[in-house]
Amino acid sequence: FDGCPIVRLLAGTTLAHGRLSTLSSYRSEGTGALVIVYLLNRLTAYLRLPSPPLVTHYCDNQGLVLQVNRLKSSAPSWWWNDVTDADILSEIAHQARGLDHTFVWEKGHPERRMRREEWSPSEWSNFLADGLAADAWERPDAMGSSSQFAPQLPHAASLALHLPDGSIHGNIKRILPPIITTAQGRQQLARYIHYTAEQLDEIDWDLLQICSTSFTSTALARFHFCKAFNNQWYTEAQAHKFNESLDPTCRCCHASSESIAHVFACPSRVTLHEKFKSSLTKILRTYRIDGSLLRALELGFRLICSNEDTHRGSLHWRGNEEGPEIEKQVHQFYADTNVTEEAKNAFASQTFLGWEDALQGRFSRAWQDLSPDKKWCKPILLELMNWGRESWSSRCSQLFGLKKDRYRLCRHRLQQEVHVWYDSPFPETLLSRQSFPSDRNHVLRRHNEGIARWLDEQHNRRKEVSTRTTIRTGQLSIIGFCGSTESRRQHNTNFQTRLQEARKAILPTTPETSNTSDGDRSPEGHPPEEEPPD
């Protein structure tokens, strides 16, 4: 058997090639069937038999027998490579063509159905084979991989993708796209939430999957969950990133730049903070969490509410004994010899992810190691995620009023945007006032959808004019020859700033009189809890 491609299997490796996580009894039994027909083929050649020997081949996997017999009944063709697990099944059919081969299903586990004296020879063989497999599984080298032999088999080269940690087998066209999508998706997610690959690996994904079911019951709920998890909330800091002329300061406290971390820590939400601190304390008491784990979690909750830098992304931050009060507490926590190293490591791991990220579902795997009872993790993370969602809802309610006022607020902002179009100079709008209705009330009296459609029309017209100022062929705009490129860019920035301010307008204290046309009424539905993109 020198040079035999399955010599590693015979040498004691008990797994079919591939990752342990993808191994199934189907593939294991298929590999065993492949070993049998391959050996018989080599033995036939070695003995130089004048005709193919008669072979009755038994297997206790009915699906495997049916699929191989289907392949054997047809001539080799391109579709042999497209069946699931073709790297094994097609090779069995190929090797069996050199024998007078009959593949027969034998119902397994005769010990469960009849007394031993009633067993047939094939049933005895099945029982002994199962015993050998069980013995092999207990061997120290049972987890070895035999991924080297498959590429040498004719039907495996195009169907088994071999990687350093195993192989991808079966229908590659079906299996590979999700793997590629997942890999690209992780890269995109890391870019959105500003994580490294190491930070992604620190997230407790299993726990997140369990807890996320409470926030994904409807399509709208899934939409909001994805926005929250992917850092897609449109905060003032986010708006400032796209337009530097906009003020990034929080409009609720007017004290700090409104980042996502500040949404959770804003001093205007002290009542909300106290509510969730109390509920989290109740959960900790219910599960009898104490000692180092309790200290680590409570310190993290205080860090979230401190409105100080949480040092997100730093794995080695240990507080500062000369810094703000919360940083002194963190320094004392790490210096305290009564706190276990496991608790310090878990705190550091969550700091690496960001303590504010725990309110978005990104909880460190290290917390699982602090207590033998893991049941506390789910209710804690659920409550943290509820805290994060209510922080955003509170922020939106402060800025936009109650749900019953949402329609009026939307109408007020649309009308303010109309005023911007009428009052801005031509270099900013790029549209002649003569193209607007002479009386702006003709637009303002429309219902909300009518005003929005009119505004969309103006934006589209302005975009067409702006495009013609940059091209050098075709229909040009005279505006492209007026002023410098820098001045046109500044006019555009000024106009976009006016629009952004209009879209952030607050309802006047005295309700405006509204002369609306038919169909304009306040909806009785429930609008989203999110601020619409500015």
Protein backbone atom coordinates (compact mmCIF):
# COMPACT_ATOMS: atom_id res chain seq x y z
CA PHE A 1 0.00 0.00 0.00
CA ASP A 2 2.98 2.31 -0.46
CA GLY A 3 1.70 5.70 -1.71
CA CYS A 4 -1.93 4.79 -1.07
CA PRO A 5 -3.92 8.04 -0.61
CA ILE A 6 -5.86 6.59 2.34
CA VAL A 7 -2.89 5.27 4.26
CA ARG A 8 -3.44 7.92 6.92
CA LEU A 9 -6.94 6.62 7.55
CA LEU A 10 -5.56 3.13 8.03
CA ALA A 11 -2.86 4.51 10.30
CA GLY A 12 -5.39 5.42 12.97
CA THR A 13 -7.02 8.72 12.01
CA THR A 14 -10.70 8.29 12.71
CA LEU A 15 -12.15 11.47 11.24
CA ALA A 16 -13.14 11.97 7.64
CA HIS A 17 -11.15 14.91 6.31
CA GLY A 18 -12.45 18.26 7.46
CA ARG A 19 -13.24 20.17 10.62
CA LEU A 20 -14.61 18.33 13.61
CA SER A 21 -17.53 20.78 13.68
CA THR A 22 -18.61 19.72 10.17
CA LEU A 23 -18.22 15.99 10.72
CA SER A 24 -21.40 13.90 10.50
CA SER A 25 -22.13 10.19 10.78
CA TYR A 26 -23.11 10.35 7.10
CA ARG A 27 -19.63 11.48 6.05
CA SER A 28 -17.90 9.11 8.47
CA GLU A 29 -19.78 6.10 7.14
CA GLY A 30 -19.25 7.34 3.60
CA THR A 31 -15.50 7.51 4.23
CA GLY A 32 -15.59 3.97 5.58
CA ALA A 33 -17.44 2.77 2.46
CA LEU A 34 -14.84 4.54 0.32
CA VAL A 35 -12.02 2.75 2.15
CA ILE A 36 -13.63 -0.63 1.40
CA VAL A 37 -14.12 -0.14 -2.35
CA TYR A 38 -10.69 1.47 -2.73
CA LEU A 39 -8.93 -1.44 -1.02
CA LEU A 40 -10.85 -3.97 -3.09
CA ASN A 41 -9.87 -2.16 -6.28
CA ARG A 42 -6.20 -2.16 -5.31
CA LEU A 43 -6.41 -5.80 -4.25
CA THR A 44 -7.99 -6.75 -7.61
CA ALA A 45 -5.12 -5.06 -9.43
CA TYR A 46 -2.52 -6.67 -7.19
CA LEU A 47 -3.93 -10.18 -7.70
CA ARG A 48 -4.37 -9.54 -11.44
CA LEU A 49 -7.81 -11.11 -11.43
CA PRO A 50 -9.12 -11.86 -14.94
CA SER A 51 -12.59 -10.41 -14.17
CA PRO A 52 -14.03 -8.05 -11.55
CA PRO A 53 -14.83 -9.93 -8.31
CA LEU A 54 -18.38 -10.21 -7.01
CA VAL A 55 -18.72 -7.96 -3.95
CA THR A 56 -21.74 -7.51 -1.68
CA HIS A 57 -21.16 -4.39 0.32
CA TYR A 58 -23.32 -3.70 3.42
CA CYS A 59 -23.90 -0.31 5.02
CA ASP A 60 -26.35 0.77 7.75
CA ASN A 61 -26.89 4.30 6.37
CA GLN A 62 -29.87 4.01 4.04
CA GLY A 63 -29.52 7.51 2.57
CA LEU A 64 -25.89 6.86 1.69
CA VAL A 65 -26.74 3.57 -0.04
CA LEU A 66 -29.57 5.14 -2.06
CA GLN A 67 -27.44 8.07 -3.22
CA VAL A 68 -24.45 5.91 -4.24
CA ASN A 69 -26.69 3.48 -6.12
CA ARG A 70 -28.26 6.42 -7.94
CA LEU A 71 -24.82 7.59 -9.04
CA LYS A 72 -23.76 4.04 -10.05
CA SER A 73 -26.86 3.64 -12.23
CA SER A 74 -25.78 6.53 -14.48
CA ALA A 75 -22.70 7.23 -16.49
CA PRO A 76 -20.19 9.63 -14.94
CA SER A 77 -21.27 13.17 -15.76
CA TRP A 78 -20.81 16.76 -14.65
CA TRP A 79 -23.70 16.53 -12.20
CA TRP A 80 -21.75 13.96 -10.14
CA ASN A 81 -19.77 16.92 -8.80
CA ASP A 82 -22.87 18.85 -7.72
CA VAL A 83 -24.45 16.38 -5.31
CA THR A 84 -24.01 17.03 -1.60
CA ASP A 85 -20.85 15.37 -0.22
CA ALA A 86 -19.82 14.54 -3.78
CA ASP A 87 -16.16 14.35 -2.74
CA ILE A 88 -17.02 11.07 -1.00
CA LEU A 89 -20.11 9.75 -2.83
CA SER A 90 -18.88 10.28 -6.37
CA GLU A 91 -15.57 8.65 -5.48
CA ILE A 92 -17.35 5.58 -4.05
CA ALA A 93 -19.33 5.24 -7.29
CA HIS A 94 -16.17 5.72 -9.35
CA GLN A 95 -14.19 3.08 -7.43
CA ALA A 96 -17.13 0.64 -7.45
CA ARG A 97 -17.24 0.68 -11.27
CA GLY A 98 -14.11 -1.50 -11.27
CA LEU A 99 -15.94 -4.22 -9.29
CA ASP A 100 -19.06 -6.34 -9.66
CA HIS A 101 -20.35 -4.29 -6.76
CA THR A 102 -23.72 -4.52 -4.99
CA PHE A 103 -24.35 -1.90 -2.33
CA VAL A 104 -26.96 -3.12 0.20
CA TRP A 105 -28.57 -1.37 3.14
CA GLU A 106 -28.41 -3.29 6.42
CA LYS A 107 -30.53 -1.98 9.28
CA GLY A 108 -28.17 -1.05 12.10
CA HIS A 109 -28.03 -1.81 15.83
CA PRO A 110 -29.35 -5.37 15.85
CA GLU A 111 -28.75 -5.48 19.62
CA ARG A 112 -31.75 -3.20 20.02
CA ARG A 113 -34.10 -5.40 17.96
CA MET A 114 -33.38 -9.11 18.58
CA ARG A 115 -31.40 -11.65 20.54
CA ARG A 116 -27.84 -12.38 19.41
CA GLU A 117 -28.57 -15.95 18.38
CA GLU A 118 -30.96 -14.54 15.76
CA TRP A 119 -28.41 -12.27 14.10
CA SER A 120 -27.33 -12.86 10.52
CA PRO A 121 -23.62 -12.73 9.53
CA SER A 122 -24.06 -9.21 8.12
CA GLU A 123 -25.73 -8.05 11.34
CA TRP A 124 -22.81 -9.47 13.35
CA SER A 125 -20.43 -7.56 11.06
CA ASN A 126 -22.38 -4.34 11.60
CA PHE A 127 -22.26 -4.80 15.37
CA LEU A 128 -18.50 -5.44 15.36
CA ALA A 129 -17.86 -2.44 13.08
CA ASP A 130 -19.76 -0.15 15.47
CA GLY A 131 -17.64 -1.51 18.34
CA LEU A 132 -14.41 -0.79 16.48
CA ALA A 133 -15.56 2.76 15.73
CA ALA A 134 -16.37 3.35 19.40
CA ASP A 135 -12.95 2.01 20.43
CA ALA A 136 -11.18 4.21 17.88
CA TRP A 137 -13.00 7.31 19.15
CA GLU A 138 -11.49 6.79 22.59
CA ARG A 139 -7.93 6.77 21.25
CA PRO A 140 -5.71 9.77 22.12
CA ASP A 141 -5.18 10.62 18.42
CA ALA A 142 -8.88 10.39 17.55
CA MET A 143 -9.09 14.11 16.79
CA GLY A 144 -6.44 14.03 14.09
CA SER A 145 -7.22 15.27 10.60
CA SER A 146 -6.66 13.35 7.39
CA SER A 147 -7.16 16.30 5.09
CA GLN A 148 -4.12 15.41 2.98
CA PHE A 149 -5.58 12.39 1.22
CA ALA A 150 -8.68 13.88 -0.39
CA PRO A 151 -7.01 15.99 -3.14
CA GLN A 152 -5.47 12.80 -4.57
CA LEU A 153 -8.90 11.32 -5.31
CA PRO A 154 -10.26 12.19 -8.78
CA HIS A 155 -13.61 13.59 -7.65
CA ALA A 156 -12.35 15.59 -4.69
CA ALA A 157 -9.99 18.15 -6.17
CA SER A 158 -12.73 20.52 -7.33
CA LEU A 159 -15.07 19.77 -4.43
CA ALA A 160 -12.98 19.99 -1.28
CA LEU A 161 -11.50 23.38 -0.38
CA HIS A 162 -8.58 22.74 1.99
CA LEU A 163 -7.66 25.36 4.56
CA PRO A 164 -5.04 25.38 7.33
CA ASP A 165 -7.67 24.44 9.95
CA GLY A 166 -9.62 21.90 7.89
CA SER A 167 -11.62 21.72 4.70
CA ILE A 168 -14.93 22.76 3.20
CA HIS A 169 -16.60 19.82 1.53
CA GLY A 170 -19.79 18.90 -0.30
CA ASN A 171 -21.66 21.27 -2.58
CA ILE A 172 -19.18 24.13 -2.71
CA LYS A 173 -21.61 26.36 -4.61
CA ARG A 174 -24.02 26.08 -1.70
CA ILE A 175 -21.53 26.19 1.18
CA LEU A 176 -18.98 28.77 0.09
CA PRO A 177 -21.21 31.89 -0.38
CA PRO A 178 -22.34 32.01 3.29
CA ILE A 179 -18.73 31.62 4.42
CA ILE A 180 -17.61 34.48 2.17
CA THR A 181 -20.59 36.58 3.24
CA THR A 182 -19.79 36.00 6.90
CA ALA A 183 -16.13 36.93 6.42
CA GLN A 184 -17.02 40.12 4.54
CA GLY A 185 -19.79 40.89 7.00
CA ARG A 186 -17.36 40.73 9.95
CA GLN A 187 -15.05 43.17 8.17
CA GLN A 188 -17.95 45.55 7.46
CA LEU A 189 -19.23 45.28 11.04
CA ALA A 190 -15.75 45.96 12.42
CA ARG A 191 -15.56 49.09 10.26
CA TYR A 192 -18.96 50.36 11.40
CA ILE A 193 -18.39 49.89 15.12
CA HIS A 194 -14.65 50.73 14.98
CA TYR A 195 -13.48 47.34 16.22
CA THR A 196 -10.44 45.26 15.50
CA ALA A 197 -10.58 41.53 14.80
CA GLU A 198 -9.40 40.93 18.38
CA GLN A 199 -12.32 42.92 19.77
CA LEU A 200 -14.82 40.99 17.65
CA ASP A 201 -13.42 37.76 19.07
CA GLU A 202 -14.01 39.03 22.62
CA ILE A 203 -17.80 39.39 22.12
CA ASP A 204 -20.02 36.68 23.60
CA TRP A 205 -21.90 35.98 20.36
CA ASP A 206 -23.85 33.03 21.77
CA LEU A 207 -25.27 35.16 24.56
CA LEU A 208 -26.06 37.98 22.15
CA GLN A 209 -27.99 35.59 19.89
CA ILE A 210 -30.09 34.44 22.84
CA CYS A 211 -30.82 37.96 24.09
CA SER A 212 -31.46 39.48 20.65
CA THR A 213 -34.64 37.42 20.23
CA SER A 214 -36.33 39.81 22.68
CA PHE A 215 -35.66 42.72 20.29
CA THR A 216 -36.37 41.13 16.90
CA SER A 217 -40.01 40.05 17.10
CA THR A 218 -41.10 42.31 14.20
CA ALA A 219 -39.44 43.72 11.09
CA LEU A 220 -39.39 47.22 12.62
CA ALA A 221 -37.88 45.89 15.85
CA ARG A 222 -35.15 44.08 13.87
CA PHE A 223 -34.45 47.29 11.99
CA HIS A 224 -33.98 49.27 15.21
CA PHE A 225 -31.86 46.48 16.76
CA CYS A 226 -29.53 46.43 13.75
CA LYS A 227 -29.18 50.23 13.80
CA ALA A 228 -28.32 50.17 17.49
CA PHE A 229 -25.84 47.30 17.23
CA ASN A 230 -24.11 48.80 14.17
CA ASN A 231 -23.70 52.29 15.68
CA GLN A 232 -26.08 53.81 13.13
CA TRP A 233 -27.86 56.23 15.46
CA TYR A 234 -27.80 59.71 13.96
CA THR A 235 -26.31 61.68 16.84
CA GLU A 236 -25.13 65.30 16.76
CA ALA A 237 -21.52 64.08 16.57
CA GLN A 238 -22.45 61.96 13.55
CA ALA A 239 -24.12 64.95 11.88
CA HIS A 240 -21.04 67.08 12.58
CA LYS A 241 -18.88 64.41 10.94
CA PHE A 242 -20.72 64.94 7.64
CA ASN A 243 -21.06 68.72 7.98
CA GLU A 244 -18.51 70.49 10.19
CA SER A 245 -20.64 73.63 10.34
CA LEU A 246 -23.19 71.76 12.48
CA ASP A 247 -22.81 71.91 16.24
CA PRO A 248 -21.99 68.47 17.75
CA THR A 249 -23.13 69.54 21.23
CA CYS A 250 -25.91 67.51 22.86
CA ARG A 251 -29.20 69.39 22.67
CA CYS A 252 -30.44 67.75 25.87
CA CYS A 253 -27.72 68.86 28.30
CA HIS A 254 -25.80 71.44 26.17
CA ALA A 255 -22.61 70.32 27.92
CA SER A 256 -20.81 67.69 25.85
CA SER A 257 -20.48 66.40 22.32
CA GLU A 258 -23.30 63.96 21.63
CA SER A 259 -21.64 60.66 20.81
CA ILE A 260 -23.36 57.30 21.29
CA ALA A 261 -21.56 56.93 24.63
CA HIS A 262 -22.95 60.33 25.68
CA VAL A 263 -26.50 59.28 24.74
CA PHE A 264 -26.22 56.69 27.55
CA ALA A 265 -24.38 58.96 30.02
CA CYS A 266 -26.17 62.27 29.43
CA PRO A 267 -26.85 64.04 32.78
CA SER A 268 -30.39 64.79 31.61
CA ARG A 269 -31.18 61.07 32.05
CA VAL A 270 -30.35 60.75 35.76
CA THR A 271 -33.84 59.39 36.51
CA LEU A 272 -33.40 56.70 33.85
CA HIS A 273 -29.98 55.81 35.24
CA GLU A 274 -31.35 55.34 38.73
CA LYS A 275 -34.21 53.20 37.42
CA PHE A 276 -31.89 50.74 35.67
CA LYS A 277 -29.29 50.73 38.44
CA SER A 278 -32.07 49.60 40.77
CA SER A 279 -33.32 46.91 38.38
CA LEU A 280 -29.79 45.61 37.79
CA THR A 281 -29.13 45.50 41.54
CA LYS A 282 -32.30 43.48 41.97
CA ILE A 283 -31.13 40.96 39.34
CA LEU A 284 -27.73 40.67 41.01
CA ARG A 285 -29.39 39.95 44.33
CA THR A 286 -31.74 37.40 42.77
CA TYR A 287 -28.79 35.41 41.43
CA ARG A 288 -26.73 36.03 44.59
CA ILE A 289 -23.91 37.74 42.76
CA ASP A 290 -21.39 39.08 45.26
CA GLY A 291 -17.68 39.50 45.86
CA SER A 292 -15.36 40.47 43.02
CA LEU A 293 -17.96 39.94 40.30
CA LEU A 294 -20.39 42.31 42.00
CA ARG A 295 -17.72 44.98 42.45
CA ALA A 296 -16.62 44.73 38.81
CA LEU A 297 -20.16 45.05 37.44
CA GLU A 298 -21.20 47.92 39.72
CA LEU A 299 -18.01 49.83 38.90
CA GLY A 300 -18.73 49.32 35.19
CA PHE A 301 -22.28 50.67 35.61
CA ARG A 302 -20.88 53.78 37.33
CA LEU A 303 -18.35 54.21 34.54
CA ILE A 304 -21.17 54.16 31.95
CA CYS A 305 -23.02 56.95 33.78
CA SER A 306 -19.94 59.04 34.56
CA ASN A 307 -19.89 60.90 31.23
CA GLU A 308 -16.11 60.47 31.31
CA ASP A 309 -13.86 58.73 28.79
CA THR A 310 -14.43 54.95 29.18
CA HIS A 311 -11.13 54.22 27.37
CA ARG A 312 -12.87 51.99 24.83
CA GLY A 313 -10.36 49.87 22.91
CA SER A 314 -7.68 49.99 25.62
CA LEU A 315 -6.75 46.61 27.07
CA HIS A 316 -4.23 47.95 29.58
CA TRP A 317 -6.02 50.95 31.09
CA ARG A 318 -5.96 50.70 34.89
CA GLY A 319 -7.51 54.00 35.92
CA ASN A 320 -5.72 57.08 37.21
CA GLU A 321 -5.20 57.88 40.88
CA GLU A 322 -4.92 61.60 40.01
CA GLY A 323 -7.79 61.74 37.53
CA PRO A 324 -11.55 62.24 37.94
CA GLU A 325 -13.36 60.40 40.71
CA ILE A 326 -14.44 57.47 38.53
CA GLU A 327 -10.86 56.94 37.30
CA LYS A 328 -9.65 56.91 40.91
CA GLN A 329 -12.21 54.20 41.68
CA VAL A 330 -10.99 52.13 38.72
CA HIS A 331 -7.39 52.51 39.93
CA GLN A 332 -8.40 51.37 43.43
CA PHE A 333 -10.27 48.40 41.95
CA TYR A 334 -7.15 47.14 40.17
CA ALA A 335 -4.93 47.84 43.19
CA ASP A 336 -7.20 45.97 45.61
CA THR A 337 -5.67 42.58 46.41
CA ASN A 338 -9.05 41.27 47.59
CA VAL A 339 -10.38 41.44 44.01
CA THR A 340 -9.71 38.24 42.04
CA GLU A 341 -7.61 38.30 38.90
CA GLU A 342 -10.53 36.80 36.95
CA ALA A 343 -12.70 39.81 37.86
CA LYS A 344 -9.95 42.24 36.87
CA ASN A 345 -9.46 40.43 33.55
CA ALA A 346 -13.21 40.51 32.84
CA PHE A 347 -13.38 44.24 33.64
CA ALA A 348 -10.37 44.86 31.37
CA SER A 349 -11.95 42.78 28.59
CA GLN A 350 -15.20 44.78 28.77
CA THR A 351 -13.19 48.01 28.79
CA PHE A 352 -11.48 46.75 25.64
CA LEU A 353 -14.92 46.35 24.01
CA GLY A 354 -16.28 49.52 25.64
CA TRP A 355 -18.56 49.64 28.65
CA GLU A 356 -21.09 51.65 26.68
CA ASP A 357 -21.05 48.83 24.09
CA ALA A 358 -22.58 46.49 26.68
CA LEU A 359 -25.78 48.57 26.34
CA GLN A 360 -25.77 47.67 22.65
CA GLY A 361 -25.33 43.93 23.25
CA ARG A 362 -21.57 43.62 23.06
CA PHE A 363 -20.82 41.72 26.27
CA SER A 364 -17.41 40.14 26.90
CA ARG A 365 -16.95 36.36 26.97
CA ALA A 366 -14.71 36.78 30.02
CA TRP A 367 -17.71 37.33 32.32
CA GLN A 368 -18.69 33.67 31.89
CA ASP A 369 -15.56 32.59 33.80
CA LEU A 370 -16.37 34.43 37.02
CA SER A 371 -19.23 32.31 38.29
CA PRO A 372 -20.03 28.59 38.02
CA ASP A 373 -23.69 29.53 37.50
CA LYS A 374 -23.96 31.16 34.05
CA LYS A 375 -27.68 31.91 34.30
CA TRP A 376 -27.11 35.48 35.51
CA CYS A 377 -25.56 36.62 32.22
CA LYS A 378 -28.76 36.59 30.15
CA PRO A 379 -30.96 38.77 32.45
CA ILE A 380 -28.08 41.20 33.02
CA LEU A 381 -27.39 41.67 29.30
CA LEU A 382 -31.13 41.95 28.54
CA GLU A 383 -31.48 44.71 31.12
CA LEU A 384 -28.40 46.51 29.79
CA MET A 385 -29.80 46.37 26.26
CA ASN A 386 -33.15 47.69 27.50
CA TRP A 387 -31.24 50.49 29.22
CA GLY A 388 -29.58 51.38 25.92
CA ARG A 389 -32.86 51.42 23.97
CA GLU A 390 -34.67 53.50 26.59
CA SER A 391 -31.78 55.98 26.61
CA TRP A 392 -32.29 56.56 22.89
CA SER A 393 -36.08 56.75 23.29
CA SER A 394 -35.66 59.27 26.12
CA ARG A 395 -33.34 61.35 23.98
CA CYS A 396 -35.83 61.38 21.09
CA SER A 397 -38.73 62.26 23.39
CA GLN A 398 -36.78 65.20 24.84
CA LEU A 399 -35.97 66.54 21.39
CA PHE A 400 -39.16 65.75 19.48
CA GLY A 401 -41.88 65.59 22.10
CA LEU A 402 -44.43 62.89 22.69
CA LYS A 403 -45.77 60.61 19.98
CA LYS A 404 -48.98 62.61 19.79
CA ASP A 405 -46.90 65.64 18.71
CA ARG A 406 -44.82 63.84 16.10
CA TYR A 407 -47.07 64.78 13.18
CA ARG A 408 -47.07 68.46 14.16
CA LEU A 409 -43.31 68.41 14.60
CA CYS A 410 -42.80 66.79 11.19
CA ARG A 411 -45.07 69.41 9.60
CA HIS A 412 -43.26 72.27 11.33
CA ARG A 413 -39.88 71.03 10.08
CA LEU A 414 -41.11 70.55 6.52
CA GLN A 415 -42.48 74.09 6.53
CA GLN A 416 -39.19 75.45 7.88
CA GLU A 417 -37.39 73.69 5.04
CA VAL A 418 -39.73 75.31 2.53
CA HIS A 419 -38.83 78.72 4.01
CA VAL A 420 -35.14 77.88 3.52
CA TRP A 421 -35.71 77.28 -0.19
CA TYR A 422 -37.61 80.57 -0.57
CA ASP A 423 -35.27 82.70 1.55
CA SER A 424 -31.84 81.42 0.47
CA PRO A 425 -29.98 83.30 -2.28
CA PHE A 426 -29.65 81.90 -5.78
CA PRO A 427 -25.96 80.86 -5.48
CA GLU A 428 -27.04 78.47 -2.74
CA THR A 429 -30.28 77.03 -4.16
CA LEU A 430 -29.06 77.09 -7.81
CA LEU A 431 -32.74 77.44 -8.75
CA SER A 432 -34.58 80.54 -9.89
CA ARG A 433 -37.29 81.80 -7.56
CA GLN A 434 -39.50 82.15 -10.63
CA SER A 435 -39.69 78.34 -10.80
CA PHE A 436 -41.38 78.29 -7.36
CA PRO A 437 -45.06 79.12 -6.78
CA SER A 438 -45.28 82.89 -6.33
CA ASP A 439 -47.04 82.50 -2.99
CA ARG A 440 -45.20 80.14 -0.65
CA ASN A 441 -48.44 79.50 1.24
CA HIS A 442 -49.50 77.48 -1.79
CA VAL A 443 -46.82 74.96 -0.70
CA LEU A 444 -47.16 75.42 3.06
CA ARG A 445 -50.91 74.61 3.02
CA ARG A 446 -50.35 71.19 1.49
CA HIS A 447 -50.47 68.08 3.66
CA ASN A 448 -47.16 66.66 4.85
CA GLU A 449 -46.68 64.22 2.00
CA GLY A 450 -47.41 66.98 -0.51
CA ILE A 451 -44.79 69.26 1.05
CA ALA A 452 -42.27 66.41 1.13
CA ARG A 453 -42.86 65.66 -2.56
CA TRP A 454 -42.34 69.32 -3.46
CA LEU A 455 -39.09 69.41 -1.51
CA ASP A 456 -37.90 66.20 -3.23
CA GLU A 457 -38.58 67.79 -6.61
CA GLN A 458 -36.43 70.82 -5.72
CA HIS A 459 -33.60 68.62 -4.46
CA ASN A 460 -33.63 66.61 -7.70
CA ARG A 461 -33.63 69.76 -9.85
CA ARG A 462 -30.81 71.25 -7.82
CA LYS A 463 -28.81 68.03 -8.14
CA GLU A 464 -29.16 68.11 -11.95
CA VAL A 465 -27.95 71.72 -12.09
CA SER A 466 -25.06 70.97 -9.73
CA THR A 467 -23.99 68.01 -11.89
CA ARG A 468 -23.89 70.19 -15.00
CA THR A 469 -21.50 72.62 -13.25
CA THR A 470 -18.84 69.91 -12.94
CA ILE A 471 -18.99 68.19 -16.35
CA ARG A 472 -16.95 69.39 -19.29
CA THR A 473 -18.96 67.93 -22.19
CA GLY A 474 -22.64 67.84 -23.14
CA GLN A 475 -25.14 70.34 -21.78
CA LEU A 476 -23.24 72.71 -19.47
CA SER A 477 -24.59 75.15 -16.90
CA ILE A 478 -23.73 78.85 -16.93
CA ILE A 479 -23.27 78.56 -13.16
CA GLY A 480 -20.11 76.52 -13.80
CA PHE A 481 -18.51 79.65 -15.25
CA CYS A 482 -19.56 81.93 -12.38
CA GLY A 483 -17.24 82.11 -9.39
CA SER A 484 -14.60 79.65 -8.31
CA THR A 485 -15.01 76.02 -7.38
CA GLU A 486 -14.21 76.90 -3.78
CA SER A 487 -16.92 79.56 -3.61
CA ARG A 488 -19.50 77.13 -5.03
CA ARG A 489 -18.45 74.55 -2.45
CA GLN A 490 -18.88 77.14 0.33
CA HIS A 491 -22.34 78.11 -0.94
CA ASN A 492 -23.34 74.46 -0.95
CA THR A 493 -22.09 74.01 2.63
CA ASN A 494 -24.05 77.06 3.79
CA PHE A 495 -27.22 75.77 2.14
CA GLN A 496 -26.88 72.29 3.60
CA THR A 497 -26.34 73.83 7.04
CA ARG A 498 -29.58 75.82 6.69
CA LEU A 499 -31.44 72.65 5.72
CA GLN A 500 -29.99 70.71 8.65
CA GLU A 501 -31.02 73.42 11.09
CA ALA A 502 -34.54 73.40 9.64
CA ARG A 503 -34.75 69.64 10.07
CA LYS A 504 -33.79 70.04 13.73
CA ALA A 505 -36.39 72.71 14.48
CA ILE A 506 -38.31 72.43 17.74
CA LEU A 507 -42.06 72.80 18.01
CA PRO A 508 -43.12 76.32 18.95
CA THR A 509 -44.70 76.58 22.39
CA THR A 510 -47.88 78.01 20.85
CA PRO A 511 -49.44 75.62 18.31
CA GLU A 512 -49.38 77.02 14.81
CA THR A 513 -52.64 77.52 13.01
CA SER A 514 -52.84 75.09 10.16
CA ASN A 515 -54.81 75.64 7.01
CA THR A 516 -54.25 72.23 5.53
CA SER A 517 -55.87 70.68 2.53
CA ASP A 518 -57.92 67.50 2.52
CA GLY A 519 -56.20 64.43 3.87
CA ASP A 520 -54.02 66.30 6.37
CA ARG A 521 -54.61 64.81 9.79
CA SER A 522 -52.61 63.52 12.71
CA PRO A 523 -52.10 59.75 12.42
CA GLU A 524 -53.28 57.48 15.19
CA GLY A 525 -50.51 54.90 14.55
CA HIS A 526 -47.28 54.46 16.42
CA PRO A 527 -44.27 56.04 14.69
CA PRO A 528 -40.81 54.63 15.28
CA GLU A 529 -38.91 55.50 18.43
CA GLU A 530 -36.00 56.69 16.32
CA GLU A 531 -35.07 60.09 15.02
CA PRO A 532 -35.48 60.10 11.24
CA PRO A 533 -32.13 60.59 9.44
CA ASP A 534 -31.42 64.31 9.20
